Amino acid sequence: PAFASLVASRLKPGGLFRLATDWVPYAEHMREVLDAAPEFEGGPVPR
């Protein structure tokens, strides 16, 4: 959560945070953290 907040502070409004992982448990963790971050909206996308 603290890292997500730091990233948001360095992005311009409308800026994108792109992530990728090939470890399913980490993908679930990423989504849990970022879905809960009030600064962001989004989710899984095609490559």
ModelCIF file with pLDDT and N, C-alpha, C, O atoms, coordinates in Angstrom:
data_MODEL
#
_entry.id   MODEL 
#
_entity.id                         1 
_entity.type                       polymer 
_entity.pdbx_number_of_molecules   1 
#
_entity_poly.entity_id                      1 
_entity_poly.type                           'polypeptide(L)' 
_entity_poly.nstd_linkage                   no 
_entity_poly.nstd_monomer                   no 
_entity_poly.pdbx_seq_one_letter_code       PAFASLVASRLKPGGLFRLATDWVPYAEHMREVLDAAPEFEGGPVPR 
_entity_poly.pdbx_seq_one_letter_code_can   PAFASLVASRLKPGGLFRLATDWVPYAEHMREVLDAAPEFEGGPVPR 
_entity_poly.pdbx_strand_id                 A 
#
loop_
_entity_poly_seq.entity_id 
_entity_poly_seq.num 
_entity_poly_seq.mon_id 
_entity_poly_seq.hetero 
1 1  PRO n 
1 2  ALA n 
1 3  PHE n 
1 4  ALA n 
1 5  SER n 
1 6  LEU n 
1 7  VAL n 
1 8  ALA n 
1 9  SER n 
1 10 ARG n 
1 11 LEU n 
1 12 LYS n 
1 13 PRO n 
1 14 GLY n 
1 15 GLY n 
1 16 LEU n 
1 17 PHE n 
1 18 ARG n 
1 19 LEU n 
1 20 ALA n 
1 21 THR n 
1 22 ASP n 
1 23 TRP n 
1 24 VAL n 
1 25 PRO n 
1 26 TYR n 
1 27 ALA n 
1 28 GLU n 
1 29 HIS n 
1 30 MET n 
1 31 ARG n 
1 32 GLU n 
1 33 VAL n 
1 34 LEU n 
1 35 ASP n 
1 36 ALA n 
1 37 ALA n 
1 38 PRO n 
1 39 GLU n 
1 40 PHE n 
1 41 GLU n 
1 42 GLY n 
1 43 GLY n 
1 44 PRO n 
1 45 VAL n 
1 46 PRO n 
1 47 ARG n 
#
_struct_asym.id          A 
_struct_asym.entity_id   1 
#
loop_
_ma_qa_metric.id 
_ma_qa_metric.mode 
_ma_qa_metric.name 
_ma_qa_metric.software_group_id 
_ma_qa_metric.type 
1 global pLDDT . pLDDT 
2 local  pLDDT . pLDDT 
#
_ma_qa_metric_global.metric_id      1 
_ma_qa_metric_global.metric_value   97.45 
_ma_qa_metric_global.model_id       1 
_ma_qa_metric_global.ordinal_id     1 
#
loop_
_ma_qa_metric_local.label_asym_id 
_ma_qa_metric_local.label_comp_id 
_ma_qa_metric_local.label_seq_id 
_ma_qa_metric_local.metric_id 
_ma_qa_metric_local.metric_value 
_ma_qa_metric_local.model_id 
_ma_qa_metric_local.ordinal_id 
A PRO 1  2 97.00 1 1  
A ALA 2  2 97.00 1 2  
A PHE 3  2 98.00 1 3  
A ALA 4  2 98.00 1 4  
A SER 5  2 98.00 1 5  
A LEU 6  2 98.00 1 6  
A VAL 7  2 98.00 1 7  
A ALA 8  2 98.00 1 8  
A SER 9  2 98.00 1 9  
A ARG 10 2 98.00 1 10 
A LEU 11 2 98.00 1 11 
A LYS 12 2 98.00 1 12 
A PRO 13 2 98.00 1 13 
A GLY 14 2 98.00 1 14 
A GLY 15 2 98.00 1 15 
A LEU 16 2 98.00 1 16 
A PHE 17 2 99.00 1 17 
A ARG 18 2 98.00 1 18 
A LEU 19 2 98.00 1 19 
A ALA 20 2 97.00 1 20 
A THR 21 2 96.00 1 21 
A ASP 22 2 94.00 1 22 
A TRP 23 2 93.00 1 23 
A VAL 24 2 95.00 1 24 
A PRO 25 2 95.00 1 25 
A TYR 26 2 97.00 1 26 
A ALA 27 2 97.00 1 27 
A GLU 28 2 97.00 1 28 
A HIS 29 2 97.00 1 29 
A MET 30 2 98.00 1 30 
A ARG 31 2 98.00 1 31 
A GLU 32 2 98.00 1 32 
A VAL 33 2 98.00 1 33 
A LEU 34 2 98.00 1 34 
A ASP 35 2 98.00 1 35 
A ALA 36 2 98.00 1 36 
A ALA 37 2 98.00 1 37 
A PRO 38 2 98.00 1 38 
A GLU 39 2 98.00 1 39 
A PHE 40 2 98.00 1 40 
A GLU 41 2 98.00 1 41 
A GLY 42 2 98.00 1 42 
A GLY 43 2 98.00 1 43 
A PRO 44 2 98.00 1 44 
A VAL 45 2 98.00 1 45 
A PRO 46 2 97.00 1 46 
A ARG 47 2 96.00 1 47 
#
loop_
_atom_site.group_PDB 
_atom_site.id 
_atom_site.type_symbol 
_atom_site.label_atom_id 
_atom_site.label_alt_id 
_atom_site.label_comp_id 
_atom_site.label_asym_id 
_atom_site.label_entity_id 
_atom_site.label_seq_id 
_atom_site.pdbx_PDB_ins_code 
_atom_site.Cartn_x 
_atom_site.Cartn_y 
_atom_site.Cartn_z 
_atom_site.occupancy 
_atom_site.B_iso_or_equiv 
_atom_site.pdbx_formal_charge 
_atom_site.auth_seq_id 
_atom_site.auth_comp_id 
_atom_site.auth_asym_id 
_atom_site.auth_atom_id 
_atom_site.pdbx_PDB_model_num 
ATOM 1   N N  . PRO A 1 1  ? 0.795  -1.230  0.000   1.00 97.00 ? 1  PRO A N  1 
ATOM 2   C CA . PRO A 1 1  ? 0.000  0.000   0.000   1.00 97.00 ? 1  PRO A CA 1 
ATOM 3   C C  . PRO A 1 1  ? 0.826  1.278   0.000   1.00 97.00 ? 1  PRO A C  1 
ATOM 4   O O  . PRO A 1 1  ? 0.493  2.215   -0.725  1.00 97.00 ? 1  PRO A O  1 
ATOM 5   N N  . ALA A 1 2  ? 1.896  1.344   0.794   1.00 97.00 ? 2  ALA A N  1 
ATOM 6   C CA . ALA A 1 2  ? 2.711  2.554   0.839   1.00 97.00 ? 2  ALA A CA 1 
ATOM 7   C C  . ALA A 1 2  ? 3.397  2.805   -0.504  1.00 97.00 ? 2  ALA A C  1 
ATOM 8   O O  . ALA A 1 2  ? 3.529  3.952   -0.933  1.00 97.00 ? 2  ALA A O  1 
ATOM 9   N N  . PHE A 1 3  ? 3.833  1.731   -1.165  1.00 98.00 ? 3  PHE A N  1 
ATOM 10  C CA . PHE A 1 3  ? 4.461  1.882   -2.471  1.00 98.00 ? 3  PHE A CA 1 
ATOM 11  C C  . PHE A 1 3  ? 3.453  2.378   -3.499  1.00 98.00 ? 3  PHE A C  1 
ATOM 12  O O  . PHE A 1 3  ? 3.781  3.239   -4.316  1.00 98.00 ? 3  PHE A O  1 
ATOM 13  N N  . ALA A 1 4  ? 2.234  1.849   -3.473  1.00 98.00 ? 4  ALA A N  1 
ATOM 14  C CA . ALA A 1 4  ? 1.198  2.302   -4.399  1.00 98.00 ? 4  ALA A CA 1 
ATOM 15  C C  . ALA A 1 4  ? 0.946  3.795   -4.227  1.00 98.00 ? 4  ALA A C  1 
ATOM 16  O O  . ALA A 1 4  ? 0.775  4.515   -5.210  1.00 98.00 ? 4  ALA A O  1 
ATOM 17  N N  . SER A 1 5  ? 0.924  4.256   -2.993  1.00 98.00 ? 5  SER A N  1 
ATOM 18  C CA . SER A 1 5  ? 0.719  5.674   -2.727  1.00 98.00 ? 5  SER A CA 1 
ATOM 19  C C  . SER A 1 5  ? 1.885  6.513   -3.248  1.00 98.00 ? 5  SER A C  1 
ATOM 20  O O  . SER A 1 5  ? 1.681  7.603   -3.782  1.00 98.00 ? 5  SER A O  1 
ATOM 21  N N  . LEU A 1 6  ? 3.110  6.000   -3.090  1.00 98.00 ? 6  LEU A N  1 
ATOM 22  C CA . LEU A 1 6  ? 4.282  6.702   -3.610  1.00 98.00 ? 6  LEU A CA 1 
ATOM 23  C C  . LEU A 1 6  ? 4.222  6.809   -5.131  1.00 98.00 ? 6  LEU A C  1 
ATOM 24  O O  . LEU A 1 6  ? 4.464  7.876   -5.694  1.00 98.00 ? 6  LEU A O  1 
ATOM 25  N N  . VAL A 1 7  ? 3.898  5.699   -5.792  1.00 98.00 ? 7  VAL A N  1 
ATOM 26  C CA . VAL A 1 7  ? 3.778  5.716   -7.249  1.00 98.00 ? 7  VAL A CA 1 
ATOM 27  C C  . VAL A 1 7  ? 2.741  6.744   -7.680  1.00 98.00 ? 7  VAL A C  1 
ATOM 28  O O  . VAL A 1 7  ? 2.989  7.533   -8.592  1.00 98.00 ? 7  VAL A O  1 
ATOM 29  N N  . ALA A 1 8  ? 1.585  6.738   -7.033  1.00 98.00 ? 8  ALA A N  1 
ATOM 30  C CA . ALA A 1 8  ? 0.523  7.685   -7.393  1.00 98.00 ? 8  ALA A CA 1 
ATOM 31  C C  . ALA A 1 8  ? 1.005  9.122   -7.260  1.00 98.00 ? 8  ALA A C  1 
ATOM 32  O O  . ALA A 1 8  ? 0.653  9.973   -8.076  1.00 98.00 ? 8  ALA A O  1 
ATOM 33  N N  . SER A 1 9  ? 1.807  9.395   -6.239  1.00 98.00 ? 9  SER A N  1 
ATOM 34  C CA . SER A 1 9  ? 2.270  10.771  -6.018  1.00 98.00 ? 9  SER A CA 1 
ATOM 35  C C  . SER A 1 9  ? 3.218  11.240  -7.102  1.00 98.00 ? 9  SER A C  1 
ATOM 36  O O  . SER A 1 9  ? 3.334  12.445  -7.328  1.00 98.00 ? 9  SER A O  1 
ATOM 37  N N  . ARG A 1 10 ? 3.897  10.330  -7.779  1.00 98.00 ? 10 ARG A N  1 
ATOM 38  C CA . ARG A 1 10 ? 4.856  10.702  -8.820  1.00 98.00 ? 10 ARG A CA 1 
ATOM 39  C C  . ARG A 1 10 ? 4.231  10.680  -10.221 1.00 98.00 ? 10 ARG A C  1 
ATOM 40  O O  . ARG A 1 10 ? 4.831  11.184  -11.170 1.00 98.00 ? 10 ARG A O  1 
ATOM 41  N N  . LEU A 1 11 ? 3.044  10.106  -10.356 1.00 98.00 ? 11 LEU A N  1 
ATOM 42  C CA . LEU A 1 11 ? 2.337  10.119  -11.636 1.00 98.00 ? 11 LEU A CA 1 
ATOM 43  C C  . LEU A 1 11 ? 1.492  11.373  -11.765 1.00 98.00 ? 11 LEU A C  1 
ATOM 44  O O  . LEU A 1 11 ? 0.937  11.867  -10.784 1.00 98.00 ? 11 LEU A O  1 
ATOM 45  N N  . LYS A 1 12 ? 1.403  11.879  -12.984 1.00 98.00 ? 12 LYS A N  1 
ATOM 46  C CA . LYS A 1 12 ? 0.473  12.964  -13.257 1.00 98.00 ? 12 LYS A CA 1 
ATOM 47  C C  . LYS A 1 12 ? -0.959 12.427  -13.172 1.00 98.00 ? 12 LYS A C  1 
ATOM 48  O O  . LYS A 1 12 ? -1.162 11.225  -13.342 1.00 98.00 ? 12 LYS A O  1 
ATOM 49  N N  . PRO A 1 13 ? -1.948 13.270  -12.917 1.00 98.00 ? 13 PRO A N  1 
ATOM 50  C CA . PRO A 1 13 ? -3.339 12.804  -12.986 1.00 98.00 ? 13 PRO A CA 1 
ATOM 51  C C  . PRO A 1 13 ? -3.608 12.171  -14.353 1.00 98.00 ? 13 PRO A C  1 
ATOM 52  O O  . PRO A 1 13 ? -3.296 12.760  -15.389 1.00 98.00 ? 13 PRO A O  1 
ATOM 53  N N  . GLY A 1 14 ? -4.178 10.989  -14.347 1.00 98.00 ? 14 GLY A N  1 
ATOM 54  C CA . GLY A 1 14 ? -4.388 10.247  -15.584 1.00 98.00 ? 14 GLY A CA 1 
ATOM 55  C C  . GLY A 1 14 ? -3.211 9.383   -15.995 1.00 98.00 ? 14 GLY A C  1 
ATOM 56  O O  . GLY A 1 14 ? -3.305 8.624   -16.959 1.00 98.00 ? 14 GLY A O  1 
ATOM 57  N N  . GLY A 1 15 ? -2.091 9.490   -15.266 1.00 98.00 ? 15 GLY A N  1 
ATOM 58  C CA . GLY A 1 15 ? -0.923 8.675   -15.579 1.00 98.00 ? 15 GLY A CA 1 
ATOM 59  C C  . GLY A 1 15 ? -1.177 7.203   -15.327 1.00 98.00 ? 15 GLY A C  1 
ATOM 60  O O  . GLY A 1 15 ? -2.051 6.842   -14.538 1.00 98.00 ? 15 GLY A O  1 
ATOM 61  N N  . LEU A 1 16 ? -0.408 6.347   -16.000 1.00 98.00 ? 16 LEU A N  1 
ATOM 62  C CA . LEU A 1 16 ? -0.637 4.901   -15.965 1.00 98.00 ? 16 LEU A CA 1 
ATOM 63  C C  . LEU A 1 16 ? 0.427  4.177   -15.140 1.00 98.00 ? 16 LEU A C  1 
ATOM 64  O O  . LEU A 1 16 ? 1.615  4.496   -15.202 1.00 98.00 ? 16 LEU A O  1 
ATOM 65  N N  . PHE A 1 17 ? -0.029 3.206   -14.375 1.00 99.00 ? 17 PHE A N  1 
ATOM 66  C CA . PHE A 1 17 ? 0.842  2.291   -13.650 1.00 99.00 ? 17 PHE A CA 1 
ATOM 67  C C  . PHE A 1 17 ? 0.627  0.917   -14.252 1.00 99.00 ? 17 PHE A C  1 
ATOM 68  O O  . PHE A 1 17 ? -0.426 0.310   -14.054 1.00 99.00 ? 17 PHE A O  1 
ATOM 69  N N  . ARG A 1 18 ? 1.623  0.415   -14.995 1.00 98.00 ? 18 ARG A N  1 
ATOM 70  C CA . ARG A 1 18 ? 1.530  -0.883  -15.672 1.00 98.00 ? 18 ARG A CA 1 
ATOM 71  C C  . ARG A 1 18 ? 2.365  -1.909  -14.912 1.00 98.00 ? 18 ARG A C  1 
ATOM 72  O O  . ARG A 1 18 ? 3.499  -1.636  -14.517 1.00 98.00 ? 18 ARG A O  1 
ATOM 73  N N  . LEU A 1 19 ? 1.791  -3.085  -14.716 1.00 98.00 ? 19 LEU A N  1 
ATOM 74  C CA . LEU A 1 19 ? 2.473  -4.152  -14.004 1.00 98.00 ? 19 LEU A CA 1 
ATOM 75  C C  . LEU A 1 19 ? 2.287  -5.465  -14.758 1.00 98.00 ? 19 LEU A C  1 
ATOM 76  O O  . LEU A 1 19 ? 1.340  -5.632  -15.526 1.00 98.00 ? 19 LEU A O  1 
ATOM 77  N N  . ALA A 1 20 ? 3.210  -6.389  -14.519 1.00 97.00 ? 20 ALA A N  1 
ATOM 78  C CA . ALA A 1 20 ? 3.075  -7.743  -15.051 1.00 97.00 ? 20 ALA A CA 1 
ATOM 79  C C  . ALA A 1 20 ? 3.789  -8.708  -14.116 1.00 97.00 ? 20 ALA A C  1 
ATOM 80  O O  . ALA A 1 20 ? 4.822  -8.379  -13.534 1.00 97.00 ? 20 ALA A O  1 
ATOM 81  N N  . THR A 1 21 ? 3.227  -9.900  -13.981 1.00 96.00 ? 21 THR A N  1 
ATOM 82  C CA . THR A 1 21 ? 3.861  -10.954 -13.194 1.00 96.00 ? 21 THR A CA 1 
ATOM 83  C C  . THR A 1 21 ? 3.434  -12.302 -13.741 1.00 96.00 ? 21 THR A C  1 
ATOM 84  O O  . THR A 1 21 ? 2.328  -12.448 -14.262 1.00 96.00 ? 21 THR A O  1 
ATOM 85  N N  . ASP A 1 22 ? 4.320  -13.294 -13.623 1.00 94.00 ? 22 ASP A N  1 
ATOM 86  C CA . ASP A 1 22 ? 3.960  -14.644 -14.051 1.00 94.00 ? 22 ASP A CA 1 
ATOM 87  C C  . ASP A 1 22 ? 3.796  -15.571 -12.847 1.00 94.00 ? 22 ASP A C  1 
ATOM 88  O O  . ASP A 1 22 ? 3.879  -16.793 -12.971 1.00 94.00 ? 22 ASP A O  1 
ATOM 89  N N  . TRP A 1 23 ? 3.563  -14.970 -11.684 1.00 93.00 ? 23 TRP A N  1 
ATOM 90  C CA . TRP A 1 23 ? 3.336  -15.750 -10.464 1.00 93.00 ? 23 TRP A CA 1 
ATOM 91  C C  . TRP A 1 23 ? 1.930  -15.427 -9.987  1.00 93.00 ? 23 TRP A C  1 
ATOM 92  O O  . TRP A 1 23 ? 1.676  -14.328 -9.493  1.00 93.00 ? 23 TRP A O  1 
ATOM 93  N N  . VAL A 1 24 ? 1.015  -16.382 -10.132 1.00 95.00 ? 24 VAL A N  1 
ATOM 94  C CA . VAL A 1 24 ? -0.405 -16.121 -9.874  1.00 95.00 ? 24 VAL A CA 1 
ATOM 95  C C  . VAL A 1 24 ? -0.662 -15.570 -8.470  1.00 95.00 ? 24 VAL A C  1 
ATOM 96  O O  . VAL A 1 24 ? -1.434 -14.621 -8.341  1.00 95.00 ? 24 VAL A O  1 
ATOM 97  N N  . PRO A 1 25 ? -0.053 -16.118 -7.410  1.00 95.00 ? 25 PRO A N  1 
ATOM 98  C CA . PRO A 1 25 ? -0.307 -15.533 -6.084  1.00 95.00 ? 25 PRO A CA 1 
ATOM 99  C C  . PRO A 1 25 ? 0.121  -14.071 -5.984  1.00 95.00 ? 25 PRO A C  1 
ATOM 100 O O  . PRO A 1 25 ? -0.505 -13.287 -5.270  1.00 95.00 ? 25 PRO A O  1 
ATOM 101 N N  . TYR A 1 26 ? 1.190  -13.701 -6.699  1.00 97.00 ? 26 TYR A N  1 
ATOM 102 C CA . TYR A 1 26 ? 1.608  -12.299 -6.669  1.00 97.00 ? 26 TYR A CA 1 
ATOM 103 C C  . TYR A 1 26 ? 0.624  -11.435 -7.465  1.00 97.00 ? 26 TYR A C  1 
ATOM 104 O O  . TYR A 1 26 ? 0.346  -10.299 -7.082  1.00 97.00 ? 26 TYR A O  1 
ATOM 105 N N  . ALA A 1 27 ? 0.100  -11.968 -8.568  1.00 97.00 ? 27 ALA A N  1 
ATOM 106 C CA . ALA A 1 27 ? -0.916 -11.239 -9.321  1.00 97.00 ? 27 ALA A CA 1 
ATOM 107 C C  . ALA A 1 27 ? -2.122 -10.944 -8.435  1.00 97.00 ? 27 ALA A C  1 
ATOM 108 O O  . ALA A 1 27 ? -2.678 -9.847  -8.475  1.00 97.00 ? 27 ALA A O  1 
ATOM 109 N N  . GLU A 1 28 ? -2.516 -11.920 -7.645  1.00 97.00 ? 28 GLU A N  1 
ATOM 110 C CA . GLU A 1 28 ? -3.646 -11.718 -6.732  1.00 97.00 ? 28 GLU A CA 1 
ATOM 111 C C  . GLU A 1 28 ? -3.307 -10.657 -5.695  1.00 97.00 ? 28 GLU A C  1 
ATOM 112 O O  . GLU A 1 28 ? -4.150 -9.832  -5.342  1.00 97.00 ? 28 GLU A O  1 
ATOM 113 N N  . HIS A 1 29 ? -2.071 -10.680 -5.208  1.00 97.00 ? 29 HIS A N  1 
ATOM 114 C CA . HIS A 1 29 ? -1.629 -9.679  -4.233  1.00 97.00 ? 29 HIS A CA 1 
ATOM 115 C C  . HIS A 1 29 ? -1.623 -8.282  -4.860  1.00 97.00 ? 29 HIS A C  1 
ATOM 116 O O  . HIS A 1 29 ? -2.108 -7.326  -4.255  1.00 97.00 ? 29 HIS A O  1 
ATOM 117 N N  . MET A 1 30 ? -1.072 -8.167  -6.073  1.00 98.00 ? 30 MET A N  1 
ATOM 118 C CA . MET A 1 30 ? -1.046 -6.880  -6.759  1.00 98.00 ? 30 MET A CA 1 
ATOM 119 C C  . MET A 1 30 ? -2.450 -6.304  -6.895  1.00 98.00 ? 30 MET A C  1 
ATOM 120 O O  . MET A 1 30 ? -2.690 -5.131  -6.611  1.00 98.00 ? 30 MET A O  1 
ATOM 121 N N  . ARG A 1 31 ? -3.362 -7.148  -7.333  1.00 98.00 ? 31 ARG A N  1 
ATOM 122 C CA . ARG A 1 31 ? -4.725 -6.668  -7.554  1.00 98.00 ? 31 ARG A CA 1 
ATOM 123 C C  . ARG A 1 31 ? -5.378 -6.248  -6.236  1.00 98.00 ? 31 ARG A C  1 
ATOM 124 O O  . ARG A 1 31 ? -6.085 -5.242  -6.185  1.00 98.00 ? 31 ARG A O  1 
ATOM 125 N N  . GLU A 1 32 ? -5.145 -7.002  -5.194  1.00 98.00 ? 32 GLU A N  1 
ATOM 126 C CA . GLU A 1 32 ? -5.715 -6.656  -3.898  1.00 98.00 ? 32 GLU A CA 1 
ATOM 127 C C  . GLU A 1 32 ? -5.212 -5.293  -3.428  1.00 98.00 ? 32 GLU A C  1 
ATOM 128 O O  . GLU A 1 32 ? -5.991 -4.463  -2.960  1.00 98.00 ? 32 GLU A O  1 
ATOM 129 N N  . VAL A 1 33 ? -3.896 -5.069  -3.556  1.00 98.00 ? 33 VAL A N  1 
ATOM 130 C CA . VAL A 1 33 ? -3.304 -3.809  -3.102  1.00 98.00 ? 33 VAL A CA 1 
ATOM 131 C C  . VAL A 1 33 ? -3.815 -2.637  -3.933  1.00 98.00 ? 33 VAL A C  1 
ATOM 132 O O  . VAL A 1 33 ? -4.215 -1.612  -3.380  1.00 98.00 ? 33 VAL A O  1 
ATOM 133 N N  . LEU A 1 34 ? -3.804 -2.781  -5.257  1.00 98.00 ? 34 LEU A N  1 
ATOM 134 C CA . LEU A 1 34 ? -4.127 -1.644  -6.113  1.00 98.00 ? 34 LEU A CA 1 
ATOM 135 C C  . LEU A 1 34 ? -5.626 -1.391  -6.214  1.00 98.00 ? 34 LEU A C  1 
ATOM 136 O O  . LEU A 1 34 ? -6.046 -0.246  -6.386  1.00 98.00 ? 34 LEU A O  1 
ATOM 137 N N  . ASP A 1 35 ? -6.433 -2.435  -6.111  1.00 98.00 ? 35 ASP A N  1 
ATOM 138 C CA . ASP A 1 35 ? -7.884 -2.204  -6.074  1.00 98.00 ? 35 ASP A CA 1 
ATOM 139 C C  . ASP A 1 35 ? -8.284 -1.425  -4.827  1.00 98.00 ? 35 ASP A C  1 
ATOM 140 O O  . ASP A 1 35 ? -9.270 -0.688  -4.836  1.00 98.00 ? 35 ASP A O  1 
ATOM 141 N N  . ALA A 1 36 ? -7.512 -1.592  -3.754  1.00 98.00 ? 36 ALA A N  1 
ATOM 142 C CA . ALA A 1 36 ? -7.815 -0.900  -2.502  1.00 98.00 ? 36 ALA A CA 1 
ATOM 143 C C  . ALA A 1 36 ? -7.213 0.496   -2.443  1.00 98.00 ? 36 ALA A C  1 
ATOM 144 O O  . ALA A 1 36 ? -7.537 1.265   -1.539  1.00 98.00 ? 36 ALA A O  1 
ATOM 145 N N  . ALA A 1 37 ? -6.332 0.844   -3.400  1.00 98.00 ? 37 ALA A N  1 
ATOM 146 C CA . ALA A 1 37 ? -5.670 2.149   -3.386  1.00 98.00 ? 37 ALA A CA 1 
ATOM 147 C C  . ALA A 1 37 ? -6.633 3.211   -3.905  1.00 98.00 ? 37 ALA A C  1 
ATOM 148 O O  . ALA A 1 37 ? -7.079 3.116   -5.048  1.00 98.00 ? 37 ALA A O  1 
ATOM 149 N N  . PRO A 1 38 ? -6.964 4.209   -3.110  1.00 98.00 ? 38 PRO A N  1 
ATOM 150 C CA . PRO A 1 38 ? -7.945 5.206   -3.550  1.00 98.00 ? 38 PRO A CA 1 
ATOM 151 C C  . PRO A 1 38 ? -7.460 6.066   -4.704  1.00 98.00 ? 38 PRO A C  1 
ATOM 152 O O  . PRO A 1 38 ? -8.266 6.711   -5.374  1.00 98.00 ? 38 PRO A O  1 
ATOM 153 N N  . GLU A 1 39 ? -6.140 6.084   -4.948  1.00 98.00 ? 39 GLU A N  1 
ATOM 154 C CA . GLU A 1 39 ? -5.603 6.928   -6.013  1.00 98.00 ? 39 GLU A CA 1 
ATOM 155 C C  . GLU A 1 39 ? -5.747 6.309   -7.404  1.00 98.00 ? 39 GLU A C  1 
ATOM 156 O O  . GLU A 1 39 ? -5.548 6.987   -8.412  1.00 98.00 ? 39 GLU A O  1 
ATOM 157 N N  . PHE A 1 40 ? -6.096 5.005   -7.458  1.00 98.00 ? 40 PHE A N  1 
ATOM 158 C CA . PHE A 1 40 ? -6.071 4.294   -8.734  1.00 98.00 ? 40 PHE A CA 1 
ATOM 159 C C  . PHE A 1 40 ? -7.414 3.680   -9.099  1.00 98.00 ? 40 PHE A C  1 
ATOM 160 O O  . PHE A 1 40 ? -8.252 3.397   -8.242  1.00 98.00 ? 40 PHE A O  1 
ATOM 161 N N  . GLU A 1 41 ? -7.590 3.482   -10.408 1.00 98.00 ? 41 GLU A N  1 
ATOM 162 C CA . GLU A 1 41 ? -8.677 2.677   -10.939 1.00 98.00 ? 41 GLU A CA 1 
ATOM 163 C C  . GLU A 1 41 ? -8.121 1.842   -12.085 1.00 98.00 ? 41 GLU A C  1 
ATOM 164 O O  . GLU A 1 41 ? -7.271 2.316   -12.839 1.00 98.00 ? 41 GLU A O  1 
ATOM 165 N N  . GLY A 1 42 ? -8.591 0.607   -12.225 1.00 98.00 ? 42 GLY A N  1 
ATOM 166 C CA . GLY A 1 42 ? -8.082 -0.248  -13.288 1.00 98.00 ? 42 GLY A CA 1 
ATOM 167 C C  . GLY A 1 42 ? -8.174 -1.704  -12.907 1.00 98.00 ? 42 GLY A C  1 
ATOM 168 O O  . GLY A 1 42 ? -8.980 -2.090  -12.060 1.00 98.00 ? 42 GLY A O  1 
ATOM 169 N N  . GLY A 1 43 ? -7.330 -2.522  -13.547 1.00 98.00 ? 43 GLY A N  1 
ATOM 170 C CA . GLY A 1 43 ? -7.360 -3.956  -13.296 1.00 98.00 ? 43 GLY A CA 1 
ATOM 171 C C  . GLY A 1 43 ? -6.592 -4.711  -14.361 1.00 98.00 ? 43 GLY A C  1 
ATOM 172 O O  . GLY A 1 43 ? -5.748 -4.126  -15.040 1.00 98.00 ? 43 GLY A O  1 
ATOM 173 N N  . PRO A 1 44 ? -6.869 -6.016  -14.526 1.00 98.00 ? 44 PRO A N  1 
ATOM 174 C CA . PRO A 1 44 ? -6.160 -6.831  -15.520 1.00 98.00 ? 44 PRO A CA 1 
ATOM 175 C C  . PRO A 1 44 ? -6.472 -6.363  -16.945 1.00 98.00 ? 44 PRO A C  1 
ATOM 176 O O  . PRO A 1 44 ? -7.584 -5.924  -17.239 1.00 98.00 ? 44 PRO A O  1 
ATOM 177 N N  . VAL A 1 45 ? -5.474 -6.466  -17.816 1.00 98.00 ? 45 VAL A N  1 
ATOM 178 C CA . VAL A 1 45 ? -5.623 -6.082  -19.221 1.00 98.00 ? 45 VAL A CA 1 
ATOM 179 C C  . VAL A 1 45 ? -4.858 -7.083  -20.083 1.00 98.00 ? 45 VAL A C  1 
ATOM 180 O O  . VAL A 1 45 ? -4.001 -7.801  -19.569 1.00 98.00 ? 45 VAL A O  1 
ATOM 181 N N  . PRO A 1 46 ? -5.151 -7.144  -21.391 1.00 97.00 ? 46 PRO A N  1 
ATOM 182 C CA . PRO A 1 46 ? -4.322 -7.946  -22.291 1.00 97.00 ? 46 PRO A CA 1 
ATOM 183 C C  . PRO A 1 46 ? -2.899 -7.388  -22.347 1.00 97.00 ? 46 PRO A C  1 
ATOM 184 O O  . PRO A 1 46 ? -2.669 -6.218  -22.042 1.00 97.00 ? 46 PRO A O  1 
ATOM 185 N N  . ARG A 1 47 ? -1.959 -8.228  -22.735 1.00 96.00 ? 47 ARG A N  1 
ATOM 186 C CA . ARG A 1 47 ? -0.586 -7.760  -22.851 1.00 96.00 ? 47 ARG A CA 1 
ATOM 187 C C  . ARG A 1 47 ? -0.513 -6.599  -23.841 1.00 96.00 ? 47 ARG A C  1 
ATOM 188 O O  . ARG A 1 47 ? 0.567  -6.059  -24.081 1.00 96.00 ? 47 ARG A O  1 
#
